[in-house]
Amino acid sequence: MTRKHFERIAEDIRNKSVKVYNMECSYDEKWFALLILEDLVNDLLNTFSEFNDNFDAYKFIKASGIRNIKLELERSRATEIASGVL
């Protein structure tokens, strides 16, 4: 596999993460869906490392955006709690 393959897969995961974040469902449902995607990313790190010695796990995690989306979900939840919405 090449860098282009890794970039495209990371982009697909990032797009799916954004869709999850924007879904009309509960915080818990979004969190669970993002955990599953993050678990997938972690599994892919091992697999991709086997396919390509030059695979950069850090760049892939960053490109997938999953951790940033989870952080944004946490921030929005904290804002809701702080403003008394919950």
N, C-alpha and C. Protein backbone atom coordinates (compact mmCIF):
# COMPACT_ATOMS: atom_id res chain seq x y z
N MET A 1 0.84 -1.18 0.00
CA MET A 1 0.00 0.00 0.00
C MET A 1 0.88 1.24 0.00
N THR A 2 0.37 2.29 -0.58
CA THR A 2 1.16 3.52 -0.70
C THR A 2 0.55 4.63 0.15
N ARG A 3 1.27 5.73 0.20
CA ARG A 3 0.80 6.91 0.94
C ARG A 3 -0.57 7.35 0.47
N LYS A 4 -0.81 7.30 -0.83
CA LYS A 4 -2.12 7.70 -1.37
C LYS A 4 -3.24 6.83 -0.81
N HIS A 5 -2.98 5.55 -0.67
CA HIS A 5 -3.99 4.65 -0.10
C HIS A 5 -4.28 5.04 1.36
N PHE A 6 -3.21 5.25 2.11
CA PHE A 6 -3.37 5.61 3.52
C PHE A 6 -4.10 6.94 3.66
N GLU A 7 -3.76 7.90 2.82
CA GLU A 7 -4.42 9.21 2.87
C GLU A 7 -5.91 9.09 2.57
N ARG A 8 -6.25 8.30 1.59
CA ARG A 8 -7.66 8.15 1.21
C ARG A 8 -8.46 7.46 2.31
N ILE A 9 -7.89 6.45 2.92
CA ILE A 9 -8.57 5.76 4.01
C ILE A 9 -8.75 6.69 5.20
N ALA A 10 -7.71 7.46 5.54
CA ALA A 10 -7.82 8.42 6.64
C ALA A 10 -8.90 9.46 6.33
N GLU A 11 -8.96 9.90 5.08
CA GLU A 11 -9.99 10.87 4.68
C GLU A 11 -11.39 10.28 4.84
N ASP A 12 -11.56 9.04 4.44
CA ASP A 12 -12.86 8.38 4.60
C ASP A 12 -13.26 8.27 6.07
N ILE A 13 -12.31 7.95 6.91
CA ILE A 13 -12.60 7.86 8.35
C ILE A 13 -12.95 9.24 8.91
N ARG A 14 -12.21 10.26 8.49
CA ARG A 14 -12.49 11.63 8.94
C ARG A 14 -13.90 12.04 8.51
N ASN A 15 -14.26 11.76 7.27
CA ASN A 15 -15.60 12.11 6.79
C ASN A 15 -16.69 11.39 7.58
N LYS A 16 -16.46 10.12 7.88
CA LYS A 16 -17.43 9.35 8.66
C LYS A 16 -17.52 9.91 10.08
N SER A 17 -16.41 10.33 10.65
CA SER A 17 -16.41 10.91 12.00
C SER A 17 -17.23 12.19 12.04
N VAL A 18 -17.09 13.01 11.01
CA VAL A 18 -17.87 14.25 10.94
C VAL A 18 -19.36 13.94 10.82
N LYS A 19 -19.70 12.93 10.03
CA LYS A 19 -21.10 12.53 9.91
C LYS A 19 -21.66 12.08 11.26
N VAL A 20 -20.88 11.31 11.99
CA VAL A 20 -21.31 10.87 13.31
C VAL A 20 -21.52 12.08 14.21
N TYR A 21 -20.58 13.00 14.20
CA TYR A 21 -20.68 14.19 15.04
C TYR A 21 -21.95 14.99 14.73
N ASN A 22 -22.34 15.04 13.48
CA ASN A 22 -23.50 15.83 13.06
C ASN A 22 -24.82 15.07 13.09
N MET A 23 -24.81 13.82 13.48
CA MET A 23 -26.04 13.03 13.53
C MET A 23 -27.00 13.59 14.58
N GLU A 24 -28.27 13.38 14.32
CA GLU A 24 -29.31 13.76 15.28
C GLU A 24 -29.56 12.57 16.20
N CYS A 25 -28.71 12.45 17.21
CA CYS A 25 -28.85 11.39 18.19
C CYS A 25 -28.21 11.85 19.49
N SER A 26 -28.26 11.01 20.48
CA SER A 26 -27.75 11.39 21.79
C SER A 26 -26.22 11.46 21.82
N TYR A 27 -25.74 12.14 22.82
CA TYR A 27 -24.30 12.23 23.06
C TYR A 27 -23.71 10.83 23.19
N ASP A 28 -24.36 9.97 23.97
CA ASP A 28 -23.85 8.61 24.19
C ASP A 28 -23.75 7.81 22.90
N GLU A 29 -24.74 7.96 22.02
CA GLU A 29 -24.71 7.25 20.74
C GLU A 29 -23.56 7.75 19.88
N LYS A 30 -23.36 9.06 19.86
CA LYS A 30 -22.24 9.62 19.10
C LYS A 30 -20.92 9.14 19.67
N TRP A 31 -20.80 9.19 20.99
CA TRP A 31 -19.55 8.79 21.65
C TRP A 31 -19.23 7.33 21.33
N PHE A 32 -20.24 6.47 21.41
CA PHE A 32 -20.03 5.05 21.14
C PHE A 32 -19.60 4.84 19.68
N ALA A 33 -20.24 5.52 18.75
CA ALA A 33 -19.89 5.39 17.33
C ALA A 33 -18.45 5.86 17.09
N LEU A 34 -18.07 6.95 17.74
CA LEU A 34 -16.70 7.45 17.58
C LEU A 34 -15.68 6.50 18.21
N LEU A 35 -16.05 5.86 19.31
CA LEU A 35 -15.16 4.87 19.92
C LEU A 35 -14.92 3.70 18.97
N ILE A 36 -15.97 3.28 18.28
CA ILE A 36 -15.82 2.19 17.32
C ILE A 36 -14.89 2.61 16.18
N LEU A 37 -15.08 3.82 15.67
CA LEU A 37 -14.19 4.31 14.61
C LEU A 37 -12.74 4.42 15.10
N GLU A 38 -12.57 4.89 16.32
CA GLU A 38 -11.22 5.00 16.88
C GLU A 38 -10.58 3.62 17.03
N ASP A 39 -11.38 2.65 17.44
CA ASP A 39 -10.88 1.28 17.56
C ASP A 39 -10.46 0.74 16.19
N LEU A 40 -11.25 1.06 15.17
CA LEU A 40 -10.89 0.67 13.81
C LEU A 40 -9.55 1.29 13.40
N VAL A 41 -9.39 2.58 13.70
CA VAL A 41 -8.13 3.27 13.38
C VAL A 41 -6.96 2.56 14.06
N ASN A 42 -7.13 2.22 15.32
CA ASN A 42 -6.04 1.54 16.05
C ASN A 42 -5.72 0.18 15.43
N ASP A 43 -6.74 -0.55 15.00
CA ASP A 43 -6.50 -1.83 14.33
C ASP A 43 -5.77 -1.63 13.01
N LEU A 44 -6.18 -0.61 12.27
CA LEU A 44 -5.55 -0.34 10.98
C LEU A 44 -4.09 0.04 11.12
N LEU A 45 -3.74 0.70 12.21
CA LEU A 45 -2.33 1.08 12.43
C LEU A 45 -1.43 -0.14 12.39
N ASN A 46 -1.84 -1.18 13.06
CA ASN A 46 -1.04 -2.41 13.07
C ASN A 46 -0.99 -3.05 11.69
N THR A 47 -2.13 -3.12 11.04
CA THR A 47 -2.19 -3.73 9.72
C THR A 47 -1.35 -2.97 8.71
N PHE A 48 -1.49 -1.66 8.69
CA PHE A 48 -0.76 -0.86 7.71
C PHE A 48 0.74 -0.90 7.97
N SER A 49 1.13 -1.01 9.21
CA SER A 49 2.56 -1.12 9.53
C SER A 49 3.15 -2.39 8.95
N GLU A 50 2.33 -3.44 8.87
CA GLU A 50 2.79 -4.69 8.29
C GLU A 50 2.95 -4.57 6.77
N PHE A 51 2.09 -3.76 6.13
CA PHE A 51 2.11 -3.61 4.68
C PHE A 51 3.22 -2.69 4.19
N ASN A 52 3.59 -1.72 5.00
CA ASN A 52 4.53 -0.71 4.53
C ASN A 52 5.42 -0.28 5.69
N ASP A 53 6.70 -0.52 5.57
CA ASP A 53 7.65 -0.16 6.63
C ASP A 53 7.73 1.34 6.87
N ASN A 54 7.36 2.13 5.87
CA ASN A 54 7.42 3.59 6.00
C ASN A 54 6.11 4.20 6.52
N PHE A 55 5.16 3.37 6.85
CA PHE A 55 3.88 3.87 7.34
C PHE A 55 4.10 4.66 8.63
N ASP A 56 3.51 5.87 8.67
CA ASP A 56 3.64 6.76 9.83
C ASP A 56 2.32 6.78 10.59
N ALA A 57 2.27 6.06 11.70
CA ALA A 57 1.04 5.93 12.48
C ALA A 57 0.56 7.28 12.98
N TYR A 58 1.47 8.12 13.43
CA TYR A 58 1.10 9.44 13.96
C TYR A 58 0.39 10.27 12.89
N LYS A 59 0.95 10.28 11.69
CA LYS A 59 0.34 11.05 10.59
C LYS A 59 -1.04 10.50 10.25
N PHE A 60 -1.18 9.18 10.28
CA PHE A 60 -2.47 8.58 9.96
C PHE A 60 -3.52 8.95 11.00
N ILE A 61 -3.15 8.87 12.27
CA ILE A 61 -4.09 9.24 13.34
C ILE A 61 -4.52 10.69 13.17
N LYS A 62 -3.55 11.55 12.94
CA LYS A 62 -3.85 12.97 12.75
C LYS A 62 -4.75 13.19 11.53
N ALA A 63 -4.43 12.53 10.43
CA ALA A 63 -5.21 12.70 9.20
C ALA A 63 -6.63 12.16 9.34
N SER A 64 -6.80 11.12 10.18
CA SER A 64 -8.15 10.57 10.35
C SER A 64 -9.06 11.52 11.11
N GLY A 65 -8.46 12.39 11.92
CA GLY A 65 -9.22 13.40 12.64
C GLY A 65 -10.10 12.87 13.76
N ILE A 66 -10.05 11.59 14.02
CA ILE A 66 -10.96 10.99 15.00
C ILE A 66 -10.78 11.59 16.40
N ARG A 67 -9.57 11.84 16.78
CA ARG A 67 -9.34 12.38 18.13
C ARG A 67 -9.82 13.82 18.24
N ASN A 68 -9.68 14.59 17.17
CA ASN A 68 -10.18 15.97 17.19
C ASN A 68 -11.71 16.01 17.25
N ILE A 69 -12.35 15.10 16.54
CA ILE A 69 -13.81 15.04 16.56
C ILE A 69 -14.30 14.64 17.95
N LYS A 70 -13.63 13.67 18.56
CA LYS A 70 -14.00 13.27 19.92
C LYS A 70 -13.81 14.43 20.90
N LEU A 71 -12.74 15.17 20.74
CA LEU A 71 -12.48 16.32 21.59
C LEU A 71 -13.57 17.38 21.40
N GLU A 72 -13.96 17.62 20.17
CA GLU A 72 -15.01 18.60 19.89
C GLU A 72 -16.34 18.16 20.49
N LEU A 73 -16.63 16.88 20.43
CA LEU A 73 -17.85 16.36 21.05
C LEU A 73 -17.82 16.59 22.56
N GLU A 74 -16.67 16.36 23.17
CA GLU A 74 -16.52 16.60 24.62
C GLU A 74 -16.69 18.08 24.95
N ARG A 75 -16.14 18.95 24.13
CA ARG A 75 -16.27 20.39 24.36
C ARG A 75 -17.73 20.83 24.28
N SER A 76 -18.43 20.32 23.27
CA SER A 76 -19.83 20.71 23.13
C SER A 76 -20.66 20.18 24.29
N ARG A 77 -20.33 19.00 24.76
CA ARG A 77 -21.03 18.43 25.94
C ARG A 77 -20.75 19.27 27.18
N ALA A 78 -19.51 19.66 27.37
CA ALA A 78 -19.15 20.50 28.53
C ALA A 78 -19.84 21.84 28.47
N THR A 79 -19.95 22.41 27.28
CA THR A 79 -20.64 23.70 27.11
C THR A 79 -22.12 23.56 27.47
N GLU A 80 -22.73 22.46 27.03
CA GLU A 80 -24.14 22.23 27.37
C GLU A 80 -24.32 22.10 28.88
N ILE A 81 -23.44 21.38 29.52
CA ILE A 81 -23.53 21.19 30.97
C ILE A 81 -23.33 22.54 31.68
N ALA A 82 -22.32 23.30 31.25
CA ALA A 82 -22.01 24.57 31.89
C ALA A 82 -23.13 25.60 31.71
N SER A 83 -23.81 25.53 30.58
CA SER A 83 -24.87 26.50 30.32
C SER A 83 -26.22 26.06 30.88
N GLY A 84 -26.25 24.91 31.48
CA GLY A 84 -27.49 24.44 32.10
C GLY A 84 -28.46 23.80 31.14
N VAL A 85 -28.03 23.49 29.94
CA VAL A 85 -28.91 22.86 28.96
C VAL A 85 -29.27 21.45 29.40
N LEU A 86 -28.35 20.79 30.06
CA LEU A 86 -28.59 19.40 30.52
C LEU A 86 -29.06 19.36 31.95
